[in-house]
Amino acid sequence: MKPISLYLICVFFSSCALSNYTQPLYKDMFSWFKTPAAITPWQLQQSGQQWMLRATTMQDGGGHVFFNRLNQRCVVSVPHQFFDMGTLPIGQFIYDTLCQVMVSNSHQRYVKSPDTYPMDFSKRPYNIHNAALVAYQAHNINAKVFQIHGFSNKKRRTKQGKSAEVIVSQGKTSNLTGKQLTTCFSQLGFNAFLYGTSINELGGTKNIVHKLGLQPHSFIHIELNKVTRSRLRQNPSLLKKFTTCLSRTI
């Protein structure tokens, strides 16, 4: 299937989106990845080869999009930059050194929403974050989406969860990519688990991204505990190796 065909199916027949999606942001983002332009009310910015859409309001949940054609064809998503402390600088490094696209939230996920949908990007069905993922993969059908989260070991219920440092998930099932990525993280010295194989919690299986119709197993949900987030931020060499693990999947 050609990328444009995937997009048309997603937009006009809603096979890649929830039934309550409306279409303007999907069309806008599909065009934007070809020719970046202003999308009201987001503010368009450019710095060298990088293009940015910055939220100026809470409309449609806000959210920021960053795009650099010079990087490789993947997306890093940071949906909870305020609550999952430290995930934004980690995502920023992955974007700066690997992926063409970064998407992040612009507002706290628990603030009052201006519409009927939650502000939480892992639950909100219609926003620029989801539109960007669908539109970008329509152009780049094999693109991976790496979503970075933080978790607390104290809140985990299993022995594995209480000791985990990294939890990788591709949804209810995983493929060789998930296994190889988990192994790569383990080789860096992290206590890493693969959801559905070596651990059965924090799989992100209810994440709204799974309902977008992205390519199977292309959405890779990565949970990092507090110590791991701190280590990655404080050790650029380790963060570079962590990012290299991601690069081997694309």
Foldseek 3Di string as FASTA:
>chain_A
DALLVLLCCCQVVVQQADPPEHHPLLVQLLVCVVPNDDDPPWDWDDDVQKIKTFFPDCVQLTKMKIFGPVADDAEEEEEAPPPQDLQVVLRVVLCVHHHGMYIYGDDHQCDDHPDDATSRQQGGRTHNVLSNVSSSCSNVQLYAYEYEGEDALVPDDDPLSVQFFKEKALACDADVLQVQLQVLVVVLVGSYYYDPPRDPPPRSNSGSSVSRNRDRSRYMYMYGYPVRSVCCVVDVVSSVSNSVSVVVSD
